[in-house]
Protein backbone atom coordinates (compact mmCIF):
# COMPACT_ATOMS: atom_id res chain seq x y z
CA UNK A 1 -0.06 0.03 0.00
CA UNK A 2 2.87 2.28 0.93
CA UNK A 3 4.63 1.53 -2.24
CA UNK A 4 1.62 2.43 -4.41
CA UNK A 5 0.90 5.65 -2.43
CA UNK A 6 4.46 6.90 -2.84
CA UNK A 7 4.49 6.19 -6.54
CA UNK A 8 1.19 7.76 -7.03
CA UNK A 9 2.32 10.88 -5.17
CA UNK A 10 5.42 11.09 -7.37
CA UNK A 11 3.37 10.71 -10.57
CA UNK A 12 0.94 13.27 -9.44
CA UNK A 13 3.87 15.77 -8.87
CA UNK A 14 5.25 14.94 -12.29
CA UNK A 15 1.82 15.61 -13.92
CA UNK A 16 1.53 18.95 -12.07
CA UNK A 17 4.81 20.04 -13.71
CA UNK A 18 4.09 18.53 -17.14
CA UNK A 19 0.59 19.94 -17.39
CA UNK A 20 2.21 23.28 -18.13
CA UNK A 21 3.41 22.04 -21.48
CA UNK A 22 1.35 22.58 -24.65
CA UNK A 23 0.13 19.08 -25.17
CA UNK A 24 -3.13 17.33 -25.77
CA UNK A 25 -3.81 14.38 -23.55
CA UNK A 26 -5.20 11.15 -24.94
CA UNK A 27 -8.43 9.93 -23.19
CA UNK A 28 -8.15 6.97 -20.72
CA UNK A 29 -4.46 7.16 -20.33
CA UNK A 30 -2.76 6.08 -17.05
CA UNK A 31 -0.74 8.85 -15.32
CA UNK A 32 2.57 7.34 -16.51
CA UNK A 33 1.34 7.02 -20.08
CA UNK A 34 0.18 10.58 -19.99
CA UNK A 35 3.61 11.72 -18.77
CA UNK A 36 5.22 9.87 -21.68
CA UNK A 37 2.76 11.60 -24.10
CA UNK A 38 3.70 15.07 -22.75
CA UNK A 39 7.37 14.19 -22.81
CA UNK A 40 7.08 13.25 -26.49
CA UNK A 41 5.10 16.46 -27.19
CA UNK A 42 7.97 18.53 -25.64
CA UNK A 43 10.36 16.67 -27.94
CA UNK A 44 8.27 17.55 -31.00
CA UNK A 45 8.24 21.23 -29.96
CA UNK A 46 11.95 21.09 -29.58
CA UNK A 47 12.24 19.80 -33.07
CA UNK A 48 10.05 22.32 -34.76
CA UNK A 49 11.27 25.28 -32.66
CA UNK A 50 14.06 26.29 -35.23
CA UNK A 51 11.52 26.35 -37.99
CA UNK A 52 9.08 28.60 -36.02
CA UNK A 53 11.94 30.77 -34.86
CA UNK A 54 12.39 32.09 -38.41
CA UNK A 55 9.15 34.06 -38.16
CA UNK A 56 9.22 34.84 -34.37
CA UNK A 57 10.66 38.30 -34.84
CA UNK A 58 7.62 39.12 -37.02
CA UNK A 59 5.21 37.83 -34.42
CA UNK A 60 3.61 39.75 -31.49
CA UNK A 61 1.12 39.28 -28.69
CA UNK A 62 -1.87 41.61 -28.96
CA UNK A 63 -3.36 42.96 -25.72
CA UNK A 64 -6.63 44.67 -25.01
CA UNK A 65 -7.36 46.22 -21.64
CA UNK A 66 -4.92 44.08 -19.83
CA UNK A 67 -5.72 40.81 -21.62
CA UNK A 68 -3.81 38.90 -24.24
CA UNK A 69 -6.57 38.29 -26.90
CA UNK A 70 -4.78 37.43 -30.14
CA UNK A 71 -1.45 37.11 -31.99
CA UNK A 72 -0.31 39.75 -34.56
CA UNK A 73 1.75 39.46 -37.73
CA UNK A 74 4.10 42.33 -38.45
CA UNK A 75 3.96 43.86 -41.98
CA UNK A 76 4.80 46.97 -43.82
CA UNK A 77 8.01 48.64 -42.50
CA UNK A 78 7.62 46.99 -39.16
CA UNK A 79 5.38 49.53 -37.50
CA UNK A 80 2.08 47.84 -38.76
CA UNK A 81 0.49 44.57 -37.53
CA UNK A 82 -2.34 42.39 -38.81
CA UNK A 83 -4.57 40.70 -36.28
CA UNK A 84 -8.08 39.34 -35.61
CA UNK A 85 -10.63 42.16 -35.71
CA UNK A 86 -13.24 40.27 -33.83
CA UNK A 87 -10.96 39.87 -30.80
CA UNK A 88 -10.13 43.52 -30.55
CA UNK A 89 -13.11 45.35 -32.10
CA UNK A 90 -15.11 45.78 -28.83
CA UNK A 91 -12.28 47.84 -27.30
CA UNK A 92 -10.18 48.89 -30.30
CA UNK A 93 -9.07 52.14 -28.59
CA UNK A 94 -7.04 50.22 -25.90
CA UNK A 95 -4.73 48.02 -27.91
CA UNK A 96 -0.97 47.19 -27.16
CA UNK A 97 1.37 44.67 -28.66
CA UNK A 98 4.28 42.92 -27.08
CA UNK A 99 7.17 41.33 -28.91
CA UNK A 100 9.02 38.24 -27.80
CA UNK A 101 11.82 40.39 -26.37
CA UNK A 102 9.41 42.23 -24.12
CA UNK A 103 9.29 45.43 -26.13
CA UNK A 104 5.75 46.98 -26.37
CA UNK A 105 3.83 49.57 -28.31
CA UNK A 106 0.48 51.06 -28.41
CA UNK A 107 -1.66 50.52 -31.45
CA UNK A 108 -4.49 52.14 -33.41
CA UNK A 109 -6.61 50.59 -36.01
CA UNK A 110 -5.82 51.80 -39.63
CA UNK A 111 -8.47 49.75 -41.32
CA UNK A 112 -10.69 46.63 -40.99
CA UNK A 113 -11.25 43.87 -43.53
CA UNK A 114 -14.50 42.49 -42.50
CA UNK A 115 -14.77 39.44 -44.78
CA UNK A 116 -11.45 38.02 -43.55
CA UNK A 117 -11.85 39.31 -40.02
CA UNK A 118 -8.63 41.24 -40.10
CA UNK A 119 -7.61 44.56 -38.62
CA UNK A 120 -4.53 46.50 -39.65
CA UNK A 121 -2.82 48.24 -36.72
CA UNK A 122 -0.45 51.11 -36.69
CA UNK A 123 2.13 50.91 -33.88
CA UNK A 124 3.46 53.90 -31.79
CA UNK A 125 6.61 52.81 -29.99
CA UNK A 126 8.59 49.71 -30.78
CA UNK A 127 9.19 48.69 -34.33
CA UNK A 128 9.56 45.02 -35.30
CA UNK A 129 10.83 42.91 -38.24
CA UNK A 130 8.18 42.71 -40.99
CA UNK A 131 7.26 39.28 -42.25
CA UNK A 132 8.35 38.02 -45.57
CA UNK A 133 5.47 36.24 -47.36
CA UNK A 134 6.19 33.14 -49.41
CA UNK A 135 5.63 33.47 -53.17
CA UNK A 136 4.98 29.67 -53.57
CA UNK A 137 1.59 28.26 -54.18
CA UNK A 138 -0.58 27.35 -51.24
CA UNK A 139 0.50 24.16 -49.53
CA UNK A 140 -1.06 20.86 -50.58
CA UNK A 141 -2.90 18.39 -48.42
CA UNK A 142 -0.68 16.69 -45.95
CA UNK A 143 1.93 19.45 -45.85
CA UNK A 144 3.24 19.88 -42.25
CA UNK A 145 2.83 23.45 -40.92
CA UNK A 146 3.91 25.33 -37.71
CA UNK A 147 2.41 28.35 -35.91
CA UNK A 148 5.19 30.69 -34.90
CA UNK A 149 5.10 32.48 -31.53
CA UNK A 150 6.57 35.76 -30.54
CA UNK A 151 9.32 34.10 -28.47
CA UNK A 152 11.24 30.85 -28.78
CA UNK A 153 8.11 28.65 -28.46
CA UNK A 154 5.97 27.54 -31.42
CA UNK A 155 2.23 27.82 -30.70
CA UNK A 156 1.07 24.87 -32.51
CA UNK A 157 1.66 22.43 -35.41
CA UNK A 158 -0.42 20.22 -37.74
CA UNK A 159 -1.06 19.29 -41.29
CA UNK A 160 -3.16 20.73 -44.22
CA UNK A 161 -6.41 18.75 -44.00
CA UNK A 162 -8.17 20.50 -46.96
CA UNK A 163 -6.37 22.49 -49.64
CA UNK A 164 -7.20 26.23 -50.22
CA UNK A 165 -10.83 26.53 -51.14
CA UNK A 166 -13.69 28.94 -51.18
CA UNK A 167 -15.42 28.64 -47.81
CA UNK A 168 -18.32 31.02 -48.28
CA UNK A 169 -21.12 29.06 -49.81
CA UNK A 170 -22.48 31.90 -51.94
CA UNK A 171 -19.07 32.09 -53.64
CA UNK A 172 -19.13 28.44 -54.68
CA UNK A 173 -20.04 27.25 -58.09
CA UNK A 174 -23.48 25.53 -58.21
CA UNK A 175 -25.33 23.80 -61.08
CA UNK A 176 -28.42 22.76 -59.20
CA UNK A 177 -28.88 19.01 -59.44
CA UNK A 178 -29.75 16.42 -56.85
CA UNK A 179 -28.06 13.07 -57.42
CA UNK A 180 -29.37 9.68 -56.65
CA UNK A 181 -28.58 5.99 -57.05
CA UNK A 182 -30.20 3.40 -59.42
CA UNK A 183 -27.83 3.75 -62.33
CA UNK A 184 -25.40 1.03 -63.50
CA UNK A 185 -22.39 2.08 -65.50
CA UNK A 186 -20.45 5.19 -66.07
CA UNK A 187 -21.87 8.54 -64.74
CA UNK A 188 -24.23 9.50 -61.93
CA UNK A 189 -28.01 9.69 -61.97
CA UNK A 190 -29.82 13.03 -61.55
CA UNK A 191 -32.75 12.52 -59.12
CA UNK A 192 -33.96 16.09 -59.19
CA UNK A 193 -33.16 19.65 -60.73
CA UNK A 194 -33.11 22.76 -58.65
CA UNK A 195 -34.66 25.81 -60.52
CA UNK A 196 -32.04 28.11 -58.77
CA UNK A 197 -29.23 26.53 -60.87
CA UNK A 198 -28.02 26.61 -64.31
CA UNK A 199 -28.89 23.04 -65.02
CA UNK A 200 -32.56 24.02 -65.06
CA UNK A 201 -31.98 26.81 -67.66
CA UNK A 202 -29.94 24.37 -69.75
CA UNK A 203 -32.79 21.92 -69.92
CA UNK A 204 -31.40 19.14 -67.74
CA UNK A 205 -34.14 16.72 -66.58
CA UNK A 206 -34.50 14.35 -63.67
CA UNK A 207 -33.53 10.94 -64.88
CA UNK A 208 -30.56 12.25 -66.98
CA UNK A 209 -27.15 10.81 -66.18
CA UNK A 210 -24.18 13.17 -65.92
CA UNK A 211 -21.23 11.68 -67.75
CA UNK A 212 -18.82 14.74 -67.82
CA UNK A 213 -18.56 18.35 -66.62
CA UNK A 214 -16.04 20.63 -68.29
CA UNK A 215 -14.37 17.76 -69.83
CA UNK A 216 -13.92 15.75 -66.56
CA UNK A 217 -15.62 12.40 -66.09
CA UNK A 218 -18.09 12.35 -63.33
CA UNK A 219 -18.97 9.10 -61.56
CA UNK A 220 -19.95 10.22 -58.09
CA UNK A 221 -21.23 13.19 -56.07
CA UNK A 222 -17.64 13.59 -54.78
CA UNK A 223 -16.24 13.95 -58.28
CA UNK A 224 -18.95 16.41 -59.24
CA UNK A 225 -18.25 18.58 -56.23
CA UNK A 226 -14.50 18.38 -56.91
CA UNK A 227 -15.01 19.53 -60.57
CA UNK A 228 -17.12 22.44 -59.31
CA UNK A 229 -14.53 23.56 -56.74
CA UNK A 230 -12.10 24.22 -59.61
CA UNK A 231 -14.52 26.77 -61.23
CA UNK A 232 -16.32 29.93 -60.17
CA UNK A 233 -19.87 31.30 -60.58
CA UNK A 234 -20.39 32.92 -63.99
CA UNK A 235 -18.45 30.35 -65.97
CA UNK A 236 -20.19 28.30 -68.71
CA UNK A 237 -19.07 24.65 -68.99
CA UNK A 238 -20.06 21.73 -71.28
CA UNK A 239 -22.14 19.23 -69.58
CA UNK A 240 -22.26 15.74 -71.23
CA UNK A 241 -25.47 13.77 -70.41
CA UNK A 242 -26.93 10.37 -71.13
CA UNK A 243 -30.71 10.51 -71.72
CA UNK A 244 -32.75 7.57 -72.77
CA UNK A 245 -29.69 5.73 -73.83
CA UNK A 246 -28.33 8.62 -76.07
CA UNK A 247 -25.57 10.95 -75.28
CA UNK A 248 -26.00 14.75 -75.59
CA UNK A 249 -24.14 17.82 -74.59
CA UNK A 250 -25.44 21.09 -73.24
CA UNK A 251 -23.81 24.30 -72.02
CA UNK A 252 -24.54 25.03 -68.34
CA UNK A 253 -23.83 28.27 -66.56
CA UNK A 254 -22.41 28.06 -62.99
CA UNK A 255 -24.44 30.02 -60.49
CA UNK A 256 -23.48 31.08 -56.95
CA UNK A 257 -24.57 28.44 -54.38
CA UNK A 258 -27.95 29.58 -52.85
CA UNK A 259 -28.50 29.56 -49.03
CA UNK A 260 -30.04 26.38 -47.74
CA UNK A 261 -31.70 25.77 -44.30
CA UNK A 262 -28.94 25.29 -41.80
CA UNK A 263 -28.66 23.19 -38.72
CA UNK A 264 -29.86 25.30 -35.71
CA UNK A 265 -26.89 27.75 -35.14
CA UNK A 266 -27.13 27.69 -31.36
CA UNK A 267 -27.00 23.95 -31.24
CA UNK A 268 -24.24 23.75 -33.81
CA UNK A 269 -22.11 26.30 -31.79
CA UNK A 270 -22.76 24.25 -28.62
CA UNK A 271 -21.49 21.13 -30.39
CA UNK A 272 -18.47 22.76 -31.73
CA UNK A 273 -17.59 24.22 -28.44
CA UNK A 274 -17.51 20.81 -26.75
CA UNK A 275 -13.90 20.53 -28.02
CA UNK A 276 -12.76 23.76 -26.25
CA UNK A 277 -12.94 27.54 -26.68
CA UNK A 278 -13.55 28.78 -30.29
CA UNK A 279 -12.87 32.00 -32.04
CA UNK A 280 -15.61 34.67 -32.09
CA UNK A 281 -15.53 34.66 -35.91
CA UNK A 282 -14.61 31.18 -36.83
CA UNK A 283 -16.12 30.64 -40.31
CA UNK A 284 -17.54 32.45 -43.30
CA UNK A 285 -14.25 33.58 -44.80
CA UNK A 286 -14.07 33.84 -48.58
CA UNK A 287 -10.97 31.59 -49.09
CA UNK A 288 -9.12 29.41 -46.46
CA UNK A 289 -6.71 26.55 -45.97
CA UNK A 290 -8.08 24.10 -43.38
CA UNK A 291 -5.69 22.28 -40.94
CA UNK A 292 -5.96 20.11 -37.98
CA UNK A 293 -3.72 22.45 -35.92
CA UNK A 294 -4.94 22.95 -32.31
CA UNK A 295 -4.84 26.72 -31.60
CA UNK A 296 -6.56 28.49 -28.90
CA UNK A 297 -8.60 31.52 -30.00
CA UNK A 298 -6.03 33.90 -28.47
CA UNK A 299 -3.31 32.25 -30.48
CA UNK A 300 -4.73 33.02 -33.82
CA UNK A 301 -3.57 35.91 -36.03
CA UNK A 302 0.10 34.96 -36.33
CA UNK A 303 2.25 33.73 -39.17
CA UNK A 304 2.17 30.07 -40.30
CA UNK A 305 5.36 28.55 -41.65
CA UNK A 306 6.18 25.34 -43.45
CA UNK A 307 9.17 23.07 -42.50
CA UNK A 308 11.50 25.23 -44.54
CA UNK A 309 10.50 28.33 -42.62
CA UNK A 310 8.49 29.87 -45.49
CA UNK A 311 5.61 32.02 -44.23
CA UNK A 312 2.68 30.50 -46.20
CA UNK A 313 -0.15 32.51 -44.51
CA UNK A 314 -1.61 33.55 -41.04
CA UNK A 315 -3.81 31.79 -38.74
CA UNK A 316 -7.30 33.34 -38.75
CA UNK A 317 -9.60 31.02 -36.60
CA UNK A 318 -10.20 28.09 -34.31
CA UNK A 319 -13.43 26.82 -35.76
CA UNK A 320 -14.08 23.56 -33.87
CA UNK A 321 -12.30 20.63 -32.17
CA UNK A 322 -10.66 19.39 -35.43
CA UNK A 323 -10.45 22.49 -37.65
CA UNK A 324 -8.40 25.73 -37.77
CA UNK A 325 -8.38 27.98 -40.71
CA UNK A 326 -5.41 29.80 -42.36
CA UNK A 327 -5.45 32.65 -44.92
CA UNK A 328 -2.84 32.00 -47.50
CA UNK A 329 0.07 34.44 -48.17
CA UNK A 330 -1.49 35.44 -51.63
CA UNK A 331 -4.84 36.21 -49.87
CA UNK A 332 -3.11 38.39 -47.24
CA UNK A 333 -0.98 40.27 -49.85
CA UNK A 334 -4.16 41.01 -51.72
CA UNK A 335 -5.77 42.39 -48.63
CA UNK A 336 -2.79 44.66 -47.94
CA UNK A 337 -3.28 46.09 -51.34
CA UNK A 338 -6.77 47.35 -50.56
CA UNK A 339 -8.11 50.09 -48.44
CA UNK A 340 -9.81 48.91 -45.28
CA UNK A 341 -12.98 50.04 -43.59
CA UNK A 342 -12.76 52.62 -40.77
CA UNK A 343 -13.17 50.85 -37.42
CA UNK A 344 -15.95 53.28 -36.56
CA UNK A 345 -17.90 51.83 -39.57
CA UNK A 346 -16.90 48.24 -39.20
CA UNK A 347 -19.30 45.74 -37.57
CA UNK A 348 -18.09 44.41 -34.23
CA UNK A 349 -18.95 40.73 -33.87
CA UNK A 350 -20.74 39.85 -30.66
CA UNK A 351 -18.92 38.03 -27.87
CA UNK A 352 -21.96 36.65 -26.02
CA UNK A 353 -22.79 40.11 -24.75
CA UNK A 354 -19.62 40.10 -22.58
CA UNK A 355 -17.24 43.05 -22.52
CA UNK A 356 -13.53 42.40 -21.99
CA UNK A 357 -12.68 42.92 -18.38
CA UNK A 358 -10.45 45.97 -17.73
CA UNK A 359 -7.10 45.60 -16.18
CA UNK A 360 -5.05 48.73 -17.04
CA UNK A 361 -3.62 49.70 -20.43
CA UNK A 362 -0.31 48.04 -20.08
CA UNK A 363 0.35 44.18 -20.52
CA UNK A 364 0.75 42.42 -17.22
CA UNK A 365 3.30 40.02 -18.53
CA UNK A 366 4.53 38.18 -21.60
CA UNK A 367 2.39 35.01 -21.84
CA UNK A 368 5.47 32.69 -21.75
CA UNK A 369 8.98 33.84 -21.02
CA UNK A 370 11.78 32.80 -23.37
CA UNK A 371 13.36 29.60 -22.21
CA UNK A 372 10.25 28.44 -20.28
CA UNK A 373 9.76 25.30 -22.49
CA UNK A 374 13.43 24.36 -21.93
CA UNK A 375 13.05 24.56 -18.16
CA UNK A 376 9.73 22.60 -18.29
CA UNK A 377 11.28 19.89 -20.45
CA UNK A 378 14.24 19.66 -17.97
CA UNK A 379 11.75 19.18 -15.10
CA UNK A 380 10.07 16.40 -17.04
CA UNK A 381 13.34 14.60 -17.62
CA UNK A 382 14.19 14.95 -13.86
CA UNK A 383 10.74 13.63 -12.90
CA UNK A 384 11.11 10.71 -15.43
CA UNK A 385 14.45 9.85 -13.77
CA UNK A 386 12.87 9.89 -10.40
CA UNK A 387 10.13 7.65 -11.59
CA UNK A 388 12.58 5.11 -12.89
CA UNK A 389 14.54 5.25 -9.61
CA UNK A 390 11.27 4.80 -7.60
CA UNK A 391 10.44 1.72 -9.76
CA UNK A 392 13.78 0.09 -8.98
CA UNK A 393 13.41 0.81 -5.29
CA UNK A 394 9.94 -0.53 -5.21
CA UNK A 395 11.02 -3.71 -6.87
CA UNK A 396 13.71 -4.14 -4.40
CA UNK A 397 11.28 -3.66 -1.51
CA UNK A 398 8.96 -6.24 -3.04
CA UNK A 399 11.73 -8.78 -3.28
């Protein structure tokens, strides 16, 4: 009994230290297994730290009324910062930024880009290193990505789950057909035609079979959706059909996807929030890259790099338990070439009716001091050594 109590006490102490590390526990783990998971998480962060460090100088914490609410990406000549509008909008006259070296500056909002939930800040005080955006194409599915932090510690990592795509439904191409089963052979059966799409205007009928769209063979709903994702509303494409055993081809105009009845939003939000806190604005962006990166809402707004240290975009939201969205470098460059909306005229997303608690106009502290991860990792190694020693001593007692 004493043996088990001593070991449990030591494991508890180890977990108290390791809980400070940025790791996600696996359900139903034993304490020693959880300790090992966190140790490996620390090793992963050590491995990706040099990659994230390449963008750290261009990354800042954004504070509003004494609370760290978002991350910022330094642009322009180093005196401007991009960050999340929805996280600062309610108190945009009380903004400060803090760099990884502890330097800080007050900030005013130059412009708001509502569709992307971005605010451009002008700094008064410290000047930082502007980010260098990658000129490469958006990363493909499976590409490993890292969220840079202002100091020596990366904020998260993950892979591209869905390549860059149009997220806002009204911007997606739509032909207006409902597909069904019951057809043997090539193509996919049309069960119904929506009068709000171009298929209806082109004379497509229920019972027709789609063989090709825009020269691409179509054999499933998945392939049809994939073909549409590569086109935009307003385009006219050839649609090859099979009708009563005969092939014919029509020209179909792609419309914007109409709004359909949605799952009750309150219930949907509650389900999404079960995986942890979410961004105030987490979806509805025109174009995004979807990743499985786990980022807290106040860790969004910073640069995202690939394993070569190229800044491929900036994180924009934590949407649910398995999804975080990124704006690609090309999208951000396009935004910077446009004039933003005045903050006085921009819509401020609601935060459940809650105001940010006041706490003074200066940051209380940098969220994580440089070197903290190293010290925590050292503590873990020491605790693991103690556990191994305790195992040996308990085995000798048992003998």
